[in-house]
């Protein structure tokens, strides 16, 4: 529920959603249906005004901001539509950012970074800046950044929304690989039926409600 124009707007209404380990879930629906809000609540970025959100066995609605931040850093990887890369940092340095909050040594960080960039097929782009990469490559760097801490849950908000068809397919093949080969649980918001085709489960939202299967 959000305040808007002096009234409360219900973003999600009686949503009941179970996601199992190892699934690649696509959340589809028109703009304003509550998809991104649901993703942000799962990530602990937004808080539900009522109800319960249990993620990886934790009731995140009862956590303090410090507890939530620590939990998110350990368990959640988030991929944004607009990549959110820092333009003055190389691909390597962008991927390293989440690891700077850990106690890993520089050598250990390097091993994690190179592994993540290899998984997304960008081992040959580690010294490139975002301006030197295509949109699809930028998004794959963003996926590597989300992946580098080996999170239990990967959340992606319109990961192909700003990409051409070819780049979108590259990104979706990476997400499918993470799901199939590495067992990553992924929840993805998308408008794209082609992206949805890579999911193992698809759920539709409309006006804040999850439609029955």
C-alpha atoms as a PDB file:
ATOM      1  CA  UNK A   1       0.000   0.000   0.000  1.00  0.00           C
ATOM      2  CA  UNK A   2       1.369   3.409  -1.023  1.00  0.00           C
ATOM      3  CA  UNK A   3       0.135   6.931  -0.221  1.00  0.00           C
ATOM      4  CA  UNK A   4      -0.781   8.787  -3.415  1.00  0.00           C
ATOM      5  CA  UNK A   5      -2.680  12.039  -3.786  1.00  0.00           C
ATOM      6  CA  UNK A   6      -4.022  11.887  -0.255  1.00  0.00           C
ATOM      7  CA  UNK A   7      -5.291   8.318  -0.638  1.00  0.00           C
ATOM      8  CA  UNK A   8      -3.762   4.902  -0.114  1.00  0.00           C
ATOM      9  CA  UNK A   9      -3.142   2.887  -3.266  1.00  0.00           C
ATOM     10  CA  UNK A  10      -3.099  -0.899  -2.892  1.00  0.00           C
ATOM     11  CA  UNK A  11      -0.175  -2.227  -4.940  1.00  0.00           C
ATOM     12  CA  UNK A  12      -0.672  -5.883  -4.002  1.00  0.00           C
ATOM     13  CA  UNK A  13      -3.938  -7.389  -2.818  1.00  0.00           C
ATOM     14  CA  UNK A  14      -4.049 -10.722  -0.986  1.00  0.00           C
ATOM     15  CA  UNK A  15      -1.080 -12.139  -2.909  1.00  0.00           C
ATOM     16  CA  UNK A  16      -0.216 -15.743  -2.060  1.00  0.00           C
ATOM     17  CA  UNK A  17       2.840 -17.055  -3.882  1.00  0.00           C
ATOM     18  CA  UNK A  18       5.051 -20.043  -3.153  1.00  0.00           C
ATOM     19  CA  UNK A  19       8.368 -20.345  -4.972  1.00  0.00           C
ATOM     20  CA  UNK A  20      10.373 -23.549  -4.709  1.00  0.00           C
ATOM     21  CA  UNK A  21      14.137 -23.930  -4.733  1.00  0.00           C
ATOM     22  CA  UNK A  22      15.539 -24.343  -8.225  1.00  0.00           C
ATOM     23  CA  UNK A  23      12.691 -22.684 -10.110  1.00  0.00           C
ATOM     24  CA  UNK A  24      12.993 -19.941 -12.697  1.00  0.00           C
ATOM     25  CA  UNK A  25       9.795 -17.989 -12.161  1.00  0.00           C
ATOM     26  CA  UNK A  26       8.518 -15.360 -14.577  1.00  0.00           C
ATOM     27  CA  UNK A  27       6.089 -12.748 -13.222  1.00  0.00           C
ATOM     28  CA  UNK A  28       4.091 -11.203 -16.049  1.00  0.00           C
ATOM     29  CA  UNK A  29       1.398  -8.559 -16.191  1.00  0.00           C
ATOM     30  CA  UNK A  30       0.596  -5.059 -17.451  1.00  0.00           C
ATOM     31  CA  UNK A  31       2.329  -1.958 -16.113  1.00  0.00           C
ATOM     32  CA  UNK A  32       1.049  -1.096 -12.648  1.00  0.00           C
ATOM     33  CA  UNK A  33      -0.016  -4.660 -11.871  1.00  0.00           C
ATOM     34  CA  UNK A  34       2.354  -4.916  -8.887  1.00  0.00           C
ATOM     35  CA  UNK A  35       5.119  -7.063 -10.386  1.00  0.00           C
ATOM     36  CA  UNK A  36       8.076  -4.895  -9.417  1.00  0.00           C
ATOM     37  CA  UNK A  37       6.563  -4.160  -6.000  1.00  0.00           C
ATOM     38  CA  UNK A  38       6.327  -7.894  -5.331  1.00  0.00           C
ATOM     39  CA  UNK A  39       9.943  -8.374  -6.412  1.00  0.00           C
ATOM     40  CA  UNK A  40      11.083  -5.519  -4.166  1.00  0.00           C
ATOM     41  CA  UNK A  41       9.219  -6.985  -1.188  1.00  0.00           C
ATOM     42  CA  UNK A  42      10.882 -10.377  -1.780  1.00  0.00           C
ATOM     43  CA  UNK A  43      14.258  -8.593  -1.859  1.00  0.00           C
ATOM     44  CA  UNK A  44      13.515  -6.623   1.291  1.00  0.00           C
ATOM     45  CA  UNK A  45      13.827  -3.341  -0.607  1.00  0.00           C
ATOM     46  CA  UNK A  46      10.187  -2.487   0.147  1.00  0.00           C
ATOM     47  CA  UNK A  47       8.160  -3.666   3.117  1.00  0.00           C
ATOM     48  CA  UNK A  48       4.616  -4.962   2.986  1.00  0.00           C
ATOM     49  CA  UNK A  49       2.180  -2.935   5.114  1.00  0.00           C
ATOM     50  CA  UNK A  50       0.566  -6.174   6.254  1.00  0.00           C
ATOM     51  CA  UNK A  51       0.863  -9.899   5.710  1.00  0.00           C
ATOM     52  CA  UNK A  52       3.903 -12.136   5.819  1.00  0.00           C
ATOM     53  CA  UNK A  53       6.849 -12.525   3.460  1.00  0.00           C
ATOM     54  CA  UNK A  54       9.009 -15.536   4.232  1.00  0.00           C
ATOM     55  CA  UNK A  55      12.113 -15.848   2.063  1.00  0.00           C
ATOM     56  CA  UNK A  56      14.655 -18.650   2.457  1.00  0.00           C
ATOM     57  CA  UNK A  57      13.086 -19.537   5.777  1.00  0.00           C
ATOM     58  CA  UNK A  58      13.243 -15.995   7.189  1.00  0.00           C
ATOM     59  CA  UNK A  59      10.316 -13.707   7.938  1.00  0.00           C
ATOM     60  CA  UNK A  60      11.916 -10.593   6.517  1.00  0.00           C
ATOM     61  CA  UNK A  61       9.120  -8.254   7.564  1.00  0.00           C
ATOM     62  CA  UNK A  62      10.230  -8.513  11.199  1.00  0.00           C
ATOM     63  CA  UNK A  63      13.897  -7.702  10.551  1.00  0.00           C
ATOM     64  CA  UNK A  64      15.490  -4.377  11.427  1.00  0.00           C
ATOM     65  CA  UNK A  65      17.043  -2.376   8.599  1.00  0.00           C
ATOM     66  CA  UNK A  66      20.539  -3.501   9.637  1.00  0.00           C
ATOM     67  CA  UNK A  67      19.495  -7.144   9.828  1.00  0.00           C
ATOM     68  CA  UNK A  68      17.743  -6.863   6.484  1.00  0.00           C
ATOM     69  CA  UNK A  69      20.761  -5.282   4.821  1.00  0.00           C
ATOM     70  CA  UNK A  70      23.063  -8.010   6.113  1.00  0.00           C
ATOM     71  CA  UNK A  71      20.620 -10.754   5.093  1.00  0.00           C
ATOM     72  CA  UNK A  72      20.216  -9.272   1.617  1.00  0.00           C
ATOM     73  CA  UNK A  73      23.988  -9.010   1.098  1.00  0.00           C
ATOM     74  CA  UNK A  74      24.385 -12.686   1.940  1.00  0.00           C
ATOM     75  CA  UNK A  75      21.399 -14.209   0.190  1.00  0.00           C
ATOM     76  CA  UNK A  76      20.027 -11.981  -2.602  1.00  0.00           C
ATOM     77  CA  UNK A  77      21.363 -10.960  -6.002  1.00  0.00           C
ATOM     78  CA  UNK A  78      19.413  -8.257  -7.838  1.00  0.00           C
ATOM     79  CA  UNK A  79      19.520  -7.451 -11.556  1.00  0.00           C
ATOM     80  CA  UNK A  80      18.016  -4.135 -12.668  1.00  0.00           C
ATOM     81  CA  UNK A  81      16.537  -3.224 -16.047  1.00  0.00           C
ATOM     82  CA  UNK A  82      18.895  -0.262 -16.460  1.00  0.00           C
ATOM     83  CA  UNK A  83      22.060  -2.266 -15.572  1.00  0.00           C
ATOM     84  CA  UNK A  84      23.149   0.264 -12.853  1.00  0.00           C
ATOM     85  CA  UNK A  85      26.839  -0.106 -13.700  1.00  0.00           C
ATOM     86  CA  UNK A  86      29.247   2.619 -12.562  1.00  0.00           C
ATOM     87  CA  UNK A  87      30.611   4.168 -15.779  1.00  0.00           C
ATOM     88  CA  UNK A  88      34.081   5.012 -14.436  1.00  0.00           C
ATOM     89  CA  UNK A  89      34.715   1.421 -13.308  1.00  0.00           C
ATOM     90  CA  UNK A  90      35.723  -1.519 -15.490  1.00  0.00           C
ATOM     91  CA  UNK A  91      33.615  -4.669 -15.757  1.00  0.00           C
ATOM     92  CA  UNK A  92      35.950  -6.294 -13.214  1.00  0.00           C
ATOM     93  CA  UNK A  93      35.589  -3.386 -10.782  1.00  0.00           C
ATOM     94  CA  UNK A  94      31.807  -3.249 -11.157  1.00  0.00           C
ATOM     95  CA  UNK A  95      31.511  -6.950 -10.359  1.00  0.00           C
ATOM     96  CA  UNK A  96      33.826  -6.519  -7.366  1.00  0.00           C
ATOM     97  CA  UNK A  97      31.574  -3.995  -5.604  1.00  0.00           C
ATOM     98  CA  UNK A  98      29.459  -6.466  -3.548  1.00  0.00           C
ATOM     99  CA  UNK A  99      32.608  -8.301  -2.439  1.00  0.00           C
ATOM    100  CA  UNK A 100      34.047  -5.158  -0.877  1.00  0.00           C
ATOM    101  CA  UNK A 101      31.497  -5.644   1.905  1.00  0.00           C
ATOM    102  CA  UNK A 102      32.907  -9.100   2.704  1.00  0.00           C
ATOM    103  CA  UNK A 103      36.046 -10.266   4.488  1.00  0.00           C
ATOM    104  CA  UNK A 104      37.480 -11.970   1.421  1.00  0.00           C
ATOM    105  CA  UNK A 105      41.108 -11.295   0.565  1.00  0.00           C
ATOM    106  CA  UNK A 106      42.007  -9.574  -2.703  1.00  0.00           C
ATOM    107  CA  UNK A 107      43.050 -12.943  -4.149  1.00  0.00           C
ATOM    108  CA  UNK A 108      39.762 -14.551  -3.105  1.00  0.00           C
ATOM    109  CA  UNK A 109      37.799 -11.619  -4.548  1.00  0.00           C
ATOM    110  CA  UNK A 110      39.649 -11.985  -7.846  1.00  0.00           C
ATOM    111  CA  UNK A 111      38.793 -15.693  -8.028  1.00  0.00           C
ATOM    112  CA  UNK A 112      35.109 -14.942  -7.432  1.00  0.00           C
ATOM    113  CA  UNK A 113      35.048 -12.112  -9.979  1.00  0.00           C
ATOM    114  CA  UNK A 114      36.760 -14.099 -12.740  1.00  0.00           C
ATOM    115  CA  UNK A 115      34.453 -17.051 -12.130  1.00  0.00           C
ATOM    116  CA  UNK A 116      31.338 -14.860 -12.327  1.00  0.00           C
ATOM    117  CA  UNK A 117      32.493 -13.138 -15.523  1.00  0.00           C
ATOM    118  CA  UNK A 118      33.380 -16.502 -17.058  1.00  0.00           C
ATOM    119  CA  UNK A 119      29.903 -17.862 -16.298  1.00  0.00           C
ATOM    120  CA  UNK A 120      28.290 -14.967 -18.176  1.00  0.00           C
ATOM    121  CA  UNK A 121      30.741 -15.306 -21.067  1.00  0.00           C
ATOM    122  CA  UNK A 122      32.728 -12.113 -20.534  1.00  0.00           C
ATOM    123  CA  UNK A 123      36.182 -13.302 -19.502  1.00  0.00           C
ATOM    124  CA  UNK A 124      37.623 -11.271 -22.370  1.00  0.00           C
ATOM    125  CA  UNK A 125      35.957  -8.025 -21.269  1.00  0.00           C
ATOM    126  CA  UNK A 126      37.231  -7.625 -17.715  1.00  0.00           C
ATOM    127  CA  UNK A 127      39.115  -4.373 -18.417  1.00  0.00           C
ATOM    128  CA  UNK A 128      36.363  -2.822 -20.534  1.00  0.00           C
ATOM    129  CA  UNK A 129      34.305   0.120 -19.268  1.00  0.00           C
ATOM    130  CA  UNK A 130      30.503   0.144 -19.684  1.00  0.00           C
ATOM    131  CA  UNK A 131      30.763   2.583 -22.612  1.00  0.00           C
ATOM    132  CA  UNK A 132      32.872  -0.018 -24.426  1.00  0.00           C
ATOM    133  CA  UNK A 133      30.249  -2.731 -24.057  1.00  0.00           C
ATOM    134  CA  UNK A 134      26.993  -3.450 -25.838  1.00  0.00           C
ATOM    135  CA  UNK A 135      23.740  -3.303 -23.880  1.00  0.00           C
ATOM    136  CA  UNK A 136      23.628  -7.082 -23.671  1.00  0.00           C
ATOM    137  CA  UNK A 137      27.188  -7.211 -22.382  1.00  0.00           C
ATOM    138  CA  UNK A 138      26.416  -4.538 -19.796  1.00  0.00           C
ATOM    139  CA  UNK A 139      23.486  -6.581 -18.541  1.00  0.00           C
ATOM    140  CA  UNK A 140      25.651  -9.694 -18.362  1.00  0.00           C
ATOM    141  CA  UNK A 141      28.171  -7.736 -16.275  1.00  0.00           C
ATOM    142  CA  UNK A 142      25.252  -6.751 -14.030  1.00  0.00           C
ATOM    143  CA  UNK A 143      24.277 -10.427 -13.741  1.00  0.00           C
ATOM    144  CA  UNK A 144      27.879 -11.312 -12.842  1.00  0.00           C
ATOM    145  CA  UNK A 145      27.794  -8.603 -10.158  1.00  0.00           C
ATOM    146  CA  UNK A 146      24.566 -10.073  -8.747  1.00  0.00           C
ATOM    147  CA  UNK A 147      26.050 -13.559  -8.918  1.00  0.00           C
ATOM    148  CA  UNK A 148      29.516 -12.909  -7.483  1.00  0.00           C
ATOM    149  CA  UNK A 149      28.527 -13.430  -3.840  1.00  0.00           C
ATOM    150  CA  UNK A 150      26.891 -16.770  -4.759  1.00  0.00           C
ATOM    151  CA  UNK A 151      23.415 -15.719  -3.543  1.00  0.00           C
ATOM    152  CA  UNK A 152      20.669 -18.218  -2.841  1.00  0.00           C
ATOM    153  CA  UNK A 153      18.101 -16.197  -4.776  1.00  0.00           C
ATOM    154  CA  UNK A 154      18.525 -14.117  -7.925  1.00  0.00           C
ATOM    155  CA  UNK A 155      15.897 -11.450  -8.635  1.00  0.00           C
ATOM    156  CA  UNK A 156      15.681  -9.753 -12.030  1.00  0.00           C
ATOM    157  CA  UNK A 157      13.456  -6.760 -12.800  1.00  0.00           C
ATOM    158  CA  UNK A 158      12.821  -6.583 -16.565  1.00  0.00           C
ATOM    159  CA  UNK A 159      16.343  -7.853 -17.372  1.00  0.00           C
ATOM    160  CA  UNK A 160      15.720  -7.667 -21.143  1.00  0.00           C
ATOM    161  CA  UNK A 161      13.593  -4.519 -21.120  1.00  0.00           C
ATOM    162  CA  UNK A 162      16.242  -2.254 -22.690  1.00  0.00           C
ATOM    163  CA  UNK A 163      17.812  -4.801 -25.047  1.00  0.00           C
ATOM    164  CA  UNK A 164      17.416  -5.736 -28.696  1.00  0.00           C
ATOM    165  CA  UNK A 165      16.190  -9.223 -29.569  1.00  0.00           C
ATOM    166  CA  UNK A 166      19.647 -10.775 -29.970  1.00  0.00           C
ATOM    167  CA  UNK A 167      21.011  -9.298 -26.723  1.00  0.00           C
ATOM    168  CA  UNK A 168      17.838 -10.285 -24.865  1.00  0.00           C
ATOM    169  CA  UNK A 169      18.295 -13.887 -25.986  1.00  0.00           C
ATOM    170  CA  UNK A 170      21.924 -13.858 -24.784  1.00  0.00           C
ATOM    171  CA  UNK A 171      20.856 -12.596 -21.371  1.00  0.00           C
ATOM    172  CA  UNK A 172      18.054 -15.140 -21.076  1.00  0.00           C
ATOM    173  CA  UNK A 173      20.391 -17.987 -22.021  1.00  0.00           C
ATOM    174  CA  UNK A 174      22.696 -16.875 -19.187  1.00  0.00           C
ATOM    175  CA  UNK A 175      19.808 -16.873 -16.706  1.00  0.00           C
ATOM    176  CA  UNK A 176      18.660 -20.268 -17.970  1.00  0.00           C
ATOM    177  CA  UNK A 177      22.222 -21.607 -17.555  1.00  0.00           C
ATOM    178  CA  UNK A 178      22.350 -20.322 -13.974  1.00  0.00           C
ATOM    179  CA  UNK A 179      19.075 -22.062 -13.274  1.00  0.00           C
ATOM    180  CA  UNK A 180      19.728 -25.365 -15.071  1.00  0.00           C
ATOM    181  CA  UNK A 181      23.464 -25.864 -14.509  1.00  0.00           C
ATOM    182  CA  UNK A 182      23.997 -24.128 -11.177  1.00  0.00           C
ATOM    183  CA  UNK A 183      20.592 -24.677  -9.574  1.00  0.00           C
ATOM    184  CA  UNK A 184      19.976 -20.987  -8.923  1.00  0.00           C
ATOM    185  CA  UNK A 185      16.474 -19.982  -7.924  1.00  0.00           C
ATOM    186  CA  UNK A 186      15.473 -17.014 -10.079  1.00  0.00           C
ATOM    187  CA  UNK A 187      12.439 -14.756  -9.980  1.00  0.00           C
ATOM    188  CA  UNK A 188      12.097 -12.481 -12.985  1.00  0.00           C
ATOM    189  CA  UNK A 189       9.660  -9.704 -13.798  1.00  0.00           C
ATOM    190  CA  UNK A 190       9.106  -9.388 -17.535  1.00  0.00           C
ATOM    191  CA  UNK A 191       6.747  -8.072 -20.202  1.00  0.00           C
ATOM    192  CA  UNK A 192       8.474 -10.147 -22.871  1.00  0.00           C
ATOM    193  CA  UNK A 193       6.791 -13.428 -23.897  1.00  0.00           C
ATOM    194  CA  UNK A 194      10.090 -14.583 -25.431  1.00  0.00           C
ATOM    195  CA  UNK A 195      11.852 -14.109 -22.102  1.00  0.00           C
ATOM    196  CA  UNK A 196       8.985 -15.839 -20.361  1.00  0.00           C
ATOM    197  CA  UNK A 197       9.551 -18.901 -22.559  1.00  0.00           C
ATOM    198  CA  UNK A 198      12.798 -19.585 -20.654  1.00  0.00           C
ATOM    199  CA  UNK A 199      10.985 -19.847 -17.301  1.00  0.00           C
ATOM    200  CA  UNK A 200       9.992 -23.075 -15.594  1.00  0.00           C
ATOM    201  CA  UNK A 201       6.994 -21.385 -13.959  1.00  0.00           C
ATOM    202  CA  UNK A 202       4.967 -18.380 -15.143  1.00  0.00           C
ATOM    203  CA  UNK A 203       2.540 -16.427 -12.965  1.00  0.00           C
ATOM    204  CA  UNK A 204       0.428 -13.477 -14.086  1.00  0.00           C
ATOM    205  CA  UNK A 205      -0.485 -10.422 -12.023  1.00  0.00           C
ATOM    206  CA  UNK A 206      -3.287  -7.996 -12.714  1.00  0.00           C
ATOM    207  CA  UNK A 207      -4.360  -5.058 -10.537  1.00  0.00           C
ATOM    208  CA  UNK A 208      -2.296  -6.319  -7.620  1.00  0.00           C
ATOM    209  CA  UNK A 209      -3.616  -9.863  -7.694  1.00  0.00           C
ATOM    210  CA  UNK A 210      -1.991 -13.085  -8.854  1.00  0.00           C
ATOM    211  CA  UNK A 211      -4.280 -14.760 -11.358  1.00  0.00           C
ATOM    212  CA  UNK A 212      -5.119 -18.437 -10.848  1.00  0.00           C
ATOM    213  CA  UNK A 213      -3.119 -20.914 -12.901  1.00  0.00           C
END
